[in-house]
Amino acid sequence: MKLRELLVETRLVLKDVGVKSQADSLLIGAANEAKDEMVQIIRQAREDFFLTSAIIAIPTASPPLASIVTLPADFMNLRDLAINDLGFEGIIFQFMNQSDPRFRRALIDGGVYQAGTALCFYNIRGNAQLVLAPGFDVPLNLTVLYLQAVPDMVGLEDEITSIPKEFHHYMSVHMICDALRMAANSALEAFEKHLEEKKKFMIQNIEPRQSREPVFVRGFMEDEW
């Protein structure tokens, strides 16, 4: 669901239960808070759900310079690094602090990757770049296995595409609960139960489709949603 759709749906329900419409900034904040909760629930249920990979060209660098690789924009957490170019699969990557003397010595000595087997130290700079030492003396392709970050929704047409759409109503129910809580509305208890049902639905259905049939939970106001 797009952010615009979440806002419309939330406001319609709040109107039905007699709660005045809230400012966009409050509702958008609640939507992103709900998104973060969804990500946490999904990761707890299936750790590798947001696992993905990217193949990135490694630039060459002469001593004492490092090879710098720009990480994908949605990078959150590194899981593995590997070279899949034929004949270079023996290159091993090891995390090393850039202040470590071994890291600095590797930069000075330079790379000998052309042999196809070598040890490469790496460090992550600002969650945006990989710093590789020694610098590569041959251009190769790096496979980065990582967990994706799920960005906040900002614009009205923004949508959480990395989470299945059948889970998106969790966000609108969370937004409704947040507004009802602020308004001390008596409908809060019913919607909190509905939110818990949405959570159970996610946990039960997050496994790969081919391994099980979807489990559906009939919840509050199901006919409208």
C-alpha atoms as a PDB file:
ATOM      1  CA  MET A   1       0.000   0.000   0.000  1.00  0.00           C
ATOM      2  CA  LYS A   2       1.167   3.496  -0.800  1.00  0.00           C
ATOM      3  CA  LEU A   3       1.473   6.019   2.007  1.00  0.00           C
ATOM      4  CA  ARG A   4      -1.411   7.966   0.497  1.00  0.00           C
ATOM      5  CA  GLU A   5      -3.643   4.880   0.729  1.00  0.00           C
ATOM      6  CA  LEU A   6      -2.621   4.237   4.323  1.00  0.00           C
ATOM      7  CA  LEU A   7      -3.526   7.805   5.279  1.00  0.00           C
ATOM      8  CA  VAL A   8      -6.928   7.634   3.554  1.00  0.00           C
ATOM      9  CA  GLU A   9      -7.775   4.269   5.110  1.00  0.00           C
ATOM     10  CA  THR A  10      -6.721   5.390   8.572  1.00  0.00           C
ATOM     11  CA  ARG A  11      -8.671   8.632   8.416  1.00  0.00           C
ATOM     12  CA  LEU A  12     -11.845   6.859   7.249  1.00  0.00           C
ATOM     13  CA  VAL A  13     -11.745   4.467  10.189  1.00  0.00           C
ATOM     14  CA  LEU A  14     -10.948   7.241  12.674  1.00  0.00           C
ATOM     15  CA  LYS A  15     -13.906   9.210  11.354  1.00  0.00           C
ATOM     16  CA  ASP A  16     -16.164   6.187  11.848  1.00  0.00           C
ATOM     17  CA  VAL A  17     -15.166   5.891  15.520  1.00  0.00           C
ATOM     18  CA  GLY A  18     -15.487   9.620  16.163  1.00  0.00           C
ATOM     19  CA  VAL A  19     -11.837  10.643  16.306  1.00  0.00           C
ATOM     20  CA  LYS A  20     -10.805  13.922  14.708  1.00  0.00           C
ATOM     21  CA  SER A  21      -8.311  13.664  11.879  1.00  0.00           C
ATOM     22  CA  GLN A  22      -4.671  14.027  12.877  1.00  0.00           C
ATOM     23  CA  ALA A  23      -1.923  15.964  11.129  1.00  0.00           C
ATOM     24  CA  ASP A  24      -0.094  14.201   8.318  1.00  0.00           C
ATOM     25  CA  SER A  25       3.167  14.377  10.240  1.00  0.00           C
ATOM     26  CA  LEU A  26       1.732  12.384  13.161  1.00  0.00           C
ATOM     27  CA  LEU A  27       0.154   9.742  10.949  1.00  0.00           C
ATOM     28  CA  ILE A  28       3.259   9.377   8.774  1.00  0.00           C
ATOM     29  CA  GLY A  29       5.375   9.001  11.903  1.00  0.00           C
ATOM     30  CA  ALA A  30       3.032   6.259  13.118  1.00  0.00           C
ATOM     31  CA  ALA A  31       3.167   4.568   9.691  1.00  0.00           C
ATOM     32  CA  ASN A  32       6.960   4.375   9.760  1.00  0.00           C
ATOM     33  CA  GLU A  33       6.936   3.209  13.368  1.00  0.00           C
ATOM     34  CA  ALA A  34       4.587   0.421  12.283  1.00  0.00           C
ATOM     35  CA  LYS A  35       6.877  -0.401   9.370  1.00  0.00           C
ATOM     36  CA  ASP A  36       9.803  -0.778  11.761  1.00  0.00           C
ATOM     37  CA  GLU A  37       7.736  -3.103  13.951  1.00  0.00           C
ATOM     38  CA  MET A  38       6.807  -5.182  10.898  1.00  0.00           C
ATOM     39  CA  VAL A  39      10.455  -5.529   9.930  1.00  0.00           C
ATOM     40  CA  GLN A  40      11.335  -6.677  13.440  1.00  0.00           C
ATOM     41  CA  ILE A  41       8.469  -9.203  13.526  1.00  0.00           C
ATOM     42  CA  ILE A  42       9.416 -10.617  10.127  1.00  0.00           C
ATOM     43  CA  ARG A  43      13.111 -10.875  11.010  1.00  0.00           C
ATOM     44  CA  GLN A  44      12.288 -12.702  14.227  1.00  0.00           C
ATOM     45  CA  ALA A  45      10.057 -15.119  12.341  1.00  0.00           C
ATOM     46  CA  ARG A  46      12.404 -15.598   9.400  1.00  0.00           C
ATOM     47  CA  GLU A  47      15.896 -14.244   9.840  1.00  0.00           C
ATOM     48  CA  ASP A  48      16.880 -14.372   6.163  1.00  0.00           C
ATOM     49  CA  PHE A  49      13.735 -12.705   4.773  1.00  0.00           C
ATOM     50  CA  PHE A  50      15.553  -9.485   3.816  1.00  0.00           C
ATOM     51  CA  LEU A  51      18.697 -11.276   2.678  1.00  0.00           C
ATOM     52  CA  THR A  52      19.825 -10.295  -0.816  1.00  0.00           C
ATOM     53  CA  SER A  53      22.997  -9.909  -2.847  1.00  0.00           C
ATOM     54  CA  ALA A  54      24.678  -7.539  -5.245  1.00  0.00           C
ATOM     55  CA  ILE A  55      27.623  -7.921  -7.622  1.00  0.00           C
ATOM     56  CA  ILE A  56      29.902  -4.880  -7.572  1.00  0.00           C
ATOM     57  CA  ALA A  57      33.037  -4.164  -9.589  1.00  0.00           C
ATOM     58  CA  ILE A  58      36.160  -3.684  -7.462  1.00  0.00           C
ATOM     59  CA  PRO A  59      38.338  -0.807  -8.697  1.00  0.00           C
ATOM     60  CA  THR A  60      42.089  -1.341  -8.813  1.00  0.00           C
ATOM     61  CA  ALA A  61      44.356   0.705  -6.544  1.00  0.00           C
ATOM     62  CA  SER A  62      48.110   1.103  -6.244  1.00  0.00           C
ATOM     63  CA  PRO A  63      49.929   0.995  -2.866  1.00  0.00           C
ATOM     64  CA  PRO A  64      49.349   2.504  -0.376  1.00  0.00           C
ATOM     65  CA  LEU A  65      45.755   3.084  -1.487  1.00  0.00           C
ATOM     66  CA  ALA A  66      42.777   0.868  -0.661  1.00  0.00           C
ATOM     67  CA  SER A  67      40.154  -0.284  -3.134  1.00  0.00           C
ATOM     68  CA  ILE A  68      36.885   1.431  -2.239  1.00  0.00           C
ATOM     69  CA  VAL A  69      33.579  -0.260  -3.042  1.00  0.00           C
ATOM     70  CA  THR A  70      30.286   1.624  -2.738  1.00  0.00           C
ATOM     71  CA  LEU A  71      27.645  -0.489  -1.022  1.00  0.00           C
ATOM     72  CA  PRO A  72      24.033  -0.701  -2.273  1.00  0.00           C
ATOM     73  CA  ALA A  73      21.720   2.084  -1.120  1.00  0.00           C
ATOM     74  CA  ASP A  74      19.574  -0.394   0.831  1.00  0.00           C
ATOM     75  CA  PHE A  75      22.545  -1.990   2.626  1.00  0.00           C
ATOM     76  CA  MET A  76      22.009  -2.586   6.344  1.00  0.00           C
ATOM     77  CA  ASN A  77      24.112  -5.522   7.552  1.00  0.00           C
ATOM     78  CA  LEU A  78      26.871  -7.535   5.869  1.00  0.00           C
ATOM     79  CA  ARG A  79      26.594 -11.311   5.778  1.00  0.00           C
ATOM     80  CA  ASP A  80      29.325 -12.444   3.360  1.00  0.00           C
ATOM     81  CA  LEU A  81      31.820 -11.358   0.713  1.00  0.00           C
ATOM     82  CA  ALA A  82      33.057 -13.523  -2.144  1.00  0.00           C
ATOM     83  CA  ILE A  83      34.811 -13.352  -5.506  1.00  0.00           C
ATOM     84  CA  ASN A  84      33.153 -15.548  -8.104  1.00  0.00           C
ATOM     85  CA  ASP A  85      35.393 -14.720 -11.067  1.00  0.00           C
ATOM     86  CA  LEU A  86      36.829 -17.946 -12.479  1.00  0.00           C
ATOM     87  CA  GLY A  87      40.218 -18.667 -10.944  1.00  0.00           C
ATOM     88  CA  PHE A  88      39.852 -16.134  -8.123  1.00  0.00           C
ATOM     89  CA  GLU A  89      37.450 -18.005  -5.829  1.00  0.00           C
ATOM     90  CA  GLY A  90      40.291 -18.584  -3.352  1.00  0.00           C
ATOM     91  CA  ILE A  91      40.431 -14.945  -2.235  1.00  0.00           C
ATOM     92  CA  ILE A  92      39.378 -14.757   1.417  1.00  0.00           C
ATOM     93  CA  PHE A  93      37.901 -11.715   3.163  1.00  0.00           C
ATOM     94  CA  GLN A  94      38.486 -10.920   6.841  1.00  0.00           C
ATOM     95  CA  PHE A  95      37.154  -7.999   8.842  1.00  0.00           C
ATOM     96  CA  MET A  96      39.884  -5.771  10.231  1.00  0.00           C
ATOM     97  CA  ASN A  97      39.846  -2.381  11.941  1.00  0.00           C
ATOM     98  CA  GLN A  98      41.535   0.247   9.772  1.00  0.00           C
ATOM     99  CA  SER A  99      43.663   1.334  12.730  1.00  0.00           C
ATOM    100  CA  ASP A 100      45.107  -2.160  13.054  1.00  0.00           C
ATOM    101  CA  PRO A 101      48.798  -2.293  11.998  1.00  0.00           C
ATOM    102  CA  ARG A 102      48.042  -5.321   9.816  1.00  0.00           C
ATOM    103  CA  PHE A 103      45.529  -3.297   7.805  1.00  0.00           C
ATOM    104  CA  ARG A 104      48.021  -0.467   7.299  1.00  0.00           C
ATOM    105  CA  ARG A 105      50.823  -2.890   6.390  1.00  0.00           C
ATOM    106  CA  ALA A 106      48.604  -4.559   3.791  1.00  0.00           C
ATOM    107  CA  LEU A 107      48.014  -1.164   2.142  1.00  0.00           C
ATOM    108  CA  ILE A 108      51.744  -0.469   2.001  1.00  0.00           C
ATOM    109  CA  ASP A 109      52.673  -3.906   0.675  1.00  0.00           C
ATOM    110  CA  GLY A 110      50.020  -3.828  -2.037  1.00  0.00           C
ATOM    111  CA  GLY A 111      47.909  -6.580  -3.532  1.00  0.00           C
ATOM    112  CA  VAL A 112      48.949  -9.869  -5.075  1.00  0.00           C
ATOM    113  CA  TYR A 113      45.467 -10.954  -6.136  1.00  0.00           C
ATOM    114  CA  GLN A 114      46.544 -12.069  -9.600  1.00  0.00           C
ATOM    115  CA  ALA A 115      47.652 -15.353  -8.032  1.00  0.00           C
ATOM    116  CA  GLY A 116      43.979 -16.123  -7.346  1.00  0.00           C
ATOM    117  CA  THR A 117      44.472 -16.833  -3.635  1.00  0.00           C
ATOM    118  CA  ALA A 118      44.978 -14.007  -1.161  1.00  0.00           C
ATOM    119  CA  LEU A 119      43.759 -12.563   2.118  1.00  0.00           C
ATOM    120  CA  CYS A 120      41.873  -9.281   1.884  1.00  0.00           C
ATOM    121  CA  PHE A 121      41.111  -7.202   4.955  1.00  0.00           C
ATOM    122  CA  TYR A 122      37.916  -5.171   4.836  1.00  0.00           C
ATOM    123  CA  ASN A 123      36.260  -2.484   6.890  1.00  0.00           C
ATOM    124  CA  ILE A 124      32.891  -0.792   6.517  1.00  0.00           C
ATOM    125  CA  ARG A 125      32.954   2.997   6.351  1.00  0.00           C
ATOM    126  CA  GLY A 126      29.763   4.766   7.361  1.00  0.00           C
ATOM    127  CA  ASN A 127      27.609   1.812   6.313  1.00  0.00           C
ATOM    128  CA  ALA A 128      28.111   3.069   2.765  1.00  0.00           C
ATOM    129  CA  GLN A 129      31.535   1.866   1.599  1.00  0.00           C
ATOM    130  CA  LEU A 130      33.778  -1.163   1.847  1.00  0.00           C
ATOM    131  CA  VAL A 131      37.453  -0.370   2.308  1.00  0.00           C
ATOM    132  CA  LEU A 132      39.605  -3.243   0.983  1.00  0.00           C
ATOM    133  CA  ALA A 133      43.263  -3.762   1.875  1.00  0.00           C
ATOM    134  CA  PRO A 134      45.496  -4.310   0.119  1.00  0.00           C
ATOM    135  CA  GLY A 135      44.105  -2.508  -2.894  1.00  0.00           C
ATOM    136  CA  PHE A 136      43.292  -4.815  -5.791  1.00  0.00           C
ATOM    137  CA  ASP A 137      45.869  -5.142  -8.568  1.00  0.00           C
ATOM    138  CA  VAL A 138      43.339  -6.749 -10.904  1.00  0.00           C
ATOM    139  CA  PRO A 139      39.709  -5.701 -11.570  1.00  0.00           C
ATOM    140  CA  LEU A 140      37.330  -8.304 -10.164  1.00  0.00           C
ATOM    141  CA  ASN A 141      33.652  -8.616  -9.285  1.00  0.00           C
ATOM    142  CA  LEU A 142      32.658  -8.740  -5.640  1.00  0.00           C
ATOM    143  CA  THR A 143      29.494 -10.532  -4.526  1.00  0.00           C
ATOM    144  CA  VAL A 144      28.076  -8.841  -1.435  1.00  0.00           C
ATOM    145  CA  LEU A 145      25.528 -10.828   0.582  1.00  0.00           C
ATOM    146  CA  TYR A 146      23.654  -8.498   2.904  1.00  0.00           C
ATOM    147  CA  LEU A 147      20.456  -7.713   4.773  1.00  0.00           C
ATOM    148  CA  GLN A 148      18.361  -4.988   3.205  1.00  0.00           C
ATOM    149  CA  ALA A 149      17.270  -1.907   5.081  1.00  0.00           C
ATOM    150  CA  VAL A 150      13.612  -0.937   4.697  1.00  0.00           C
ATOM    151  CA  PRO A 151      13.464   2.842   4.151  1.00  0.00           C
ATOM    152  CA  ASP A 152      10.888   5.136   5.690  1.00  0.00           C
ATOM    153  CA  MET A 153       7.955   6.391   3.669  1.00  0.00           C
ATOM    154  CA  VAL A 154       8.154  10.130   3.062  1.00  0.00           C
ATOM    155  CA  GLY A 155       6.230  10.999  -0.103  1.00  0.00           C
ATOM    156  CA  LEU A 156       2.578  10.132  -0.582  1.00  0.00           C
ATOM    157  CA  GLU A 157       3.412   7.713  -3.413  1.00  0.00           C
ATOM    158  CA  ASP A 158       6.054   5.866  -1.357  1.00  0.00           C
ATOM    159  CA  GLU A 159       5.396   2.180  -0.739  1.00  0.00           C
ATOM    160  CA  ILE A 160       7.153  -0.574   1.210  1.00  0.00           C
ATOM    161  CA  THR A 161       7.903  -2.899  -1.693  1.00  0.00           C
ATOM    162  CA  SER A 162      10.188  -5.290   0.207  1.00  0.00           C
ATOM    163  CA  ILE A 163       7.341  -6.467   2.451  1.00  0.00           C
ATOM    164  CA  PRO A 164       4.470  -8.505   0.915  1.00  0.00           C
ATOM    165  CA  LYS A 165       1.325  -6.433   0.362  1.00  0.00           C
ATOM    166  CA  GLU A 166      -0.842  -8.844   2.329  1.00  0.00           C
ATOM    167  CA  PHE A 167       0.952  -7.616   5.461  1.00  0.00           C
ATOM    168  CA  HIS A 168       0.556  -3.890   4.811  1.00  0.00           C
ATOM    169  CA  HIS A 169      -2.716  -3.519   6.719  1.00  0.00           C
ATOM    170  CA  TYR A 170      -0.677  -3.970   9.886  1.00  0.00           C
ATOM    171  CA  MET A 171       0.531  -0.420   9.310  1.00  0.00           C
ATOM    172  CA  SER A 172      -2.914   1.137   9.028  1.00  0.00           C
ATOM    173  CA  VAL A 173      -4.182  -0.736  12.103  1.00  0.00           C
ATOM    174  CA  HIS A 174      -1.115   0.409  14.019  1.00  0.00           C
ATOM    175  CA  MET A 175      -1.752   3.997  12.893  1.00  0.00           C
ATOM    176  CA  ILE A 176      -5.369   3.742  14.050  1.00  0.00           C
ATOM    177  CA  CYS A 177      -4.320   2.343  17.428  1.00  0.00           C
ATOM    178  CA  ASP A 178      -1.842   5.173  17.871  1.00  0.00           C
ATOM    179  CA  ALA A 179      -4.508   7.801  17.177  1.00  0.00           C
ATOM    180  CA  LEU A 180      -7.079   6.078  19.403  1.00  0.00           C
ATOM    181  CA  ARG A 181      -4.544   5.903  22.227  1.00  0.00           C
ATOM    182  CA  MET A 182      -3.836   9.631  21.961  1.00  0.00           C
ATOM    183  CA  ALA A 183      -7.573  10.366  21.944  1.00  0.00           C
ATOM    184  CA  ALA A 184      -8.285   7.949  24.848  1.00  0.00           C
ATOM    185  CA  ASN A 185     -10.977   6.407  22.641  1.00  0.00           C
ATOM    186  CA  SER A 186     -12.884   3.360  23.876  1.00  0.00           C
ATOM    187  CA  ALA A 187     -12.424   1.561  20.538  1.00  0.00           C
ATOM    188  CA  LEU A 188      -8.713   1.108  21.246  1.00  0.00           C
ATOM    189  CA  GLU A 189      -9.037  -2.325  22.867  1.00  0.00           C
ATOM    190  CA  ALA A 190     -10.832  -3.806  19.855  1.00  0.00           C
ATOM    191  CA  PHE A 191      -8.249  -2.444  17.432  1.00  0.00           C
ATOM    192  CA  GLU A 192      -5.351  -3.623  19.581  1.00  0.00           C
ATOM    193  CA  LYS A 193      -6.789  -7.131  19.342  1.00  0.00           C
ATOM    194  CA  HIS A 194      -7.020  -6.694  15.591  1.00  0.00           C
ATOM    195  CA  LEU A 195      -3.377  -5.553  15.509  1.00  0.00           C
ATOM    196  CA  GLU A 196      -2.354  -8.704  17.364  1.00  0.00           C
ATOM    197  CA  GLU A 197      -4.233 -10.782  14.779  1.00  0.00           C
ATOM    198  CA  LYS A 198      -2.329  -9.020  12.004  1.00  0.00           C
ATOM    199  CA  LYS A 199       0.925  -9.839  13.794  1.00  0.00           C
ATOM    200  CA  LYS A 200      -0.008 -13.521  14.034  1.00  0.00           C
ATOM    201  CA  PHE A 201      -0.955 -13.473  10.352  1.00  0.00           C
ATOM    202  CA  MET A 202       2.514 -12.236   9.429  1.00  0.00           C
ATOM    203  CA  ILE A 203       4.285 -14.812  11.559  1.00  0.00           C
ATOM    204  CA  GLN A 204       2.179 -17.675  10.194  1.00  0.00           C
ATOM    205  CA  ASN A 205       2.562 -16.665   6.553  1.00  0.00           C
ATOM    206  CA  ILE A 206       6.138 -15.440   6.322  1.00  0.00           C
ATOM    207  CA  GLU A 207       7.484 -18.873   5.338  1.00  0.00           C
ATOM    208  CA  PRO A 208       8.148 -19.453   1.602  1.00  0.00           C
ATOM    209  CA  ARG A 209       4.942 -19.924  -0.361  1.00  0.00           C
ATOM    210  CA  GLN A 210       6.029 -23.227  -1.864  1.00  0.00           C
ATOM    211  CA  SER A 211       6.462 -24.805   1.561  1.00  0.00           C
ATOM    212  CA  ARG A 212       2.995 -24.132   2.936  1.00  0.00           C
ATOM    213  CA  GLU A 213      -0.459 -22.808   2.148  1.00  0.00           C
ATOM    214  CA  PRO A 214      -1.287 -19.310   3.367  1.00  0.00           C
ATOM    215  CA  VAL A 215      -2.914 -19.094   6.768  1.00  0.00           C
ATOM    216  CA  PHE A 216      -5.659 -16.488   6.866  1.00  0.00           C
ATOM    217  CA  VAL A 217      -6.899 -14.799  10.018  1.00  0.00           C
ATOM    218  CA  ARG A 218     -10.325 -13.241   9.887  1.00  0.00           C
ATOM    219  CA  GLY A 219     -10.145 -10.033  11.813  1.00  0.00           C
ATOM    220  CA  PHE A 220     -12.060  -6.975  12.886  1.00  0.00           C
ATOM    221  CA  MET A 221     -13.727  -5.120   9.962  1.00  0.00           C
ATOM    222  CA  GLU A 222     -12.420  -7.805   7.555  1.00  0.00           C
ATOM    223  CA  ASP A 223     -15.145  -7.159   4.987  1.00  0.00           C
ATOM    224  CA  GLU A 224     -13.958  -3.574   4.517  1.00  0.00           C
ATOM    225  CA  TRP A 225     -10.249  -4.432   4.442  1.00  0.00           C
END
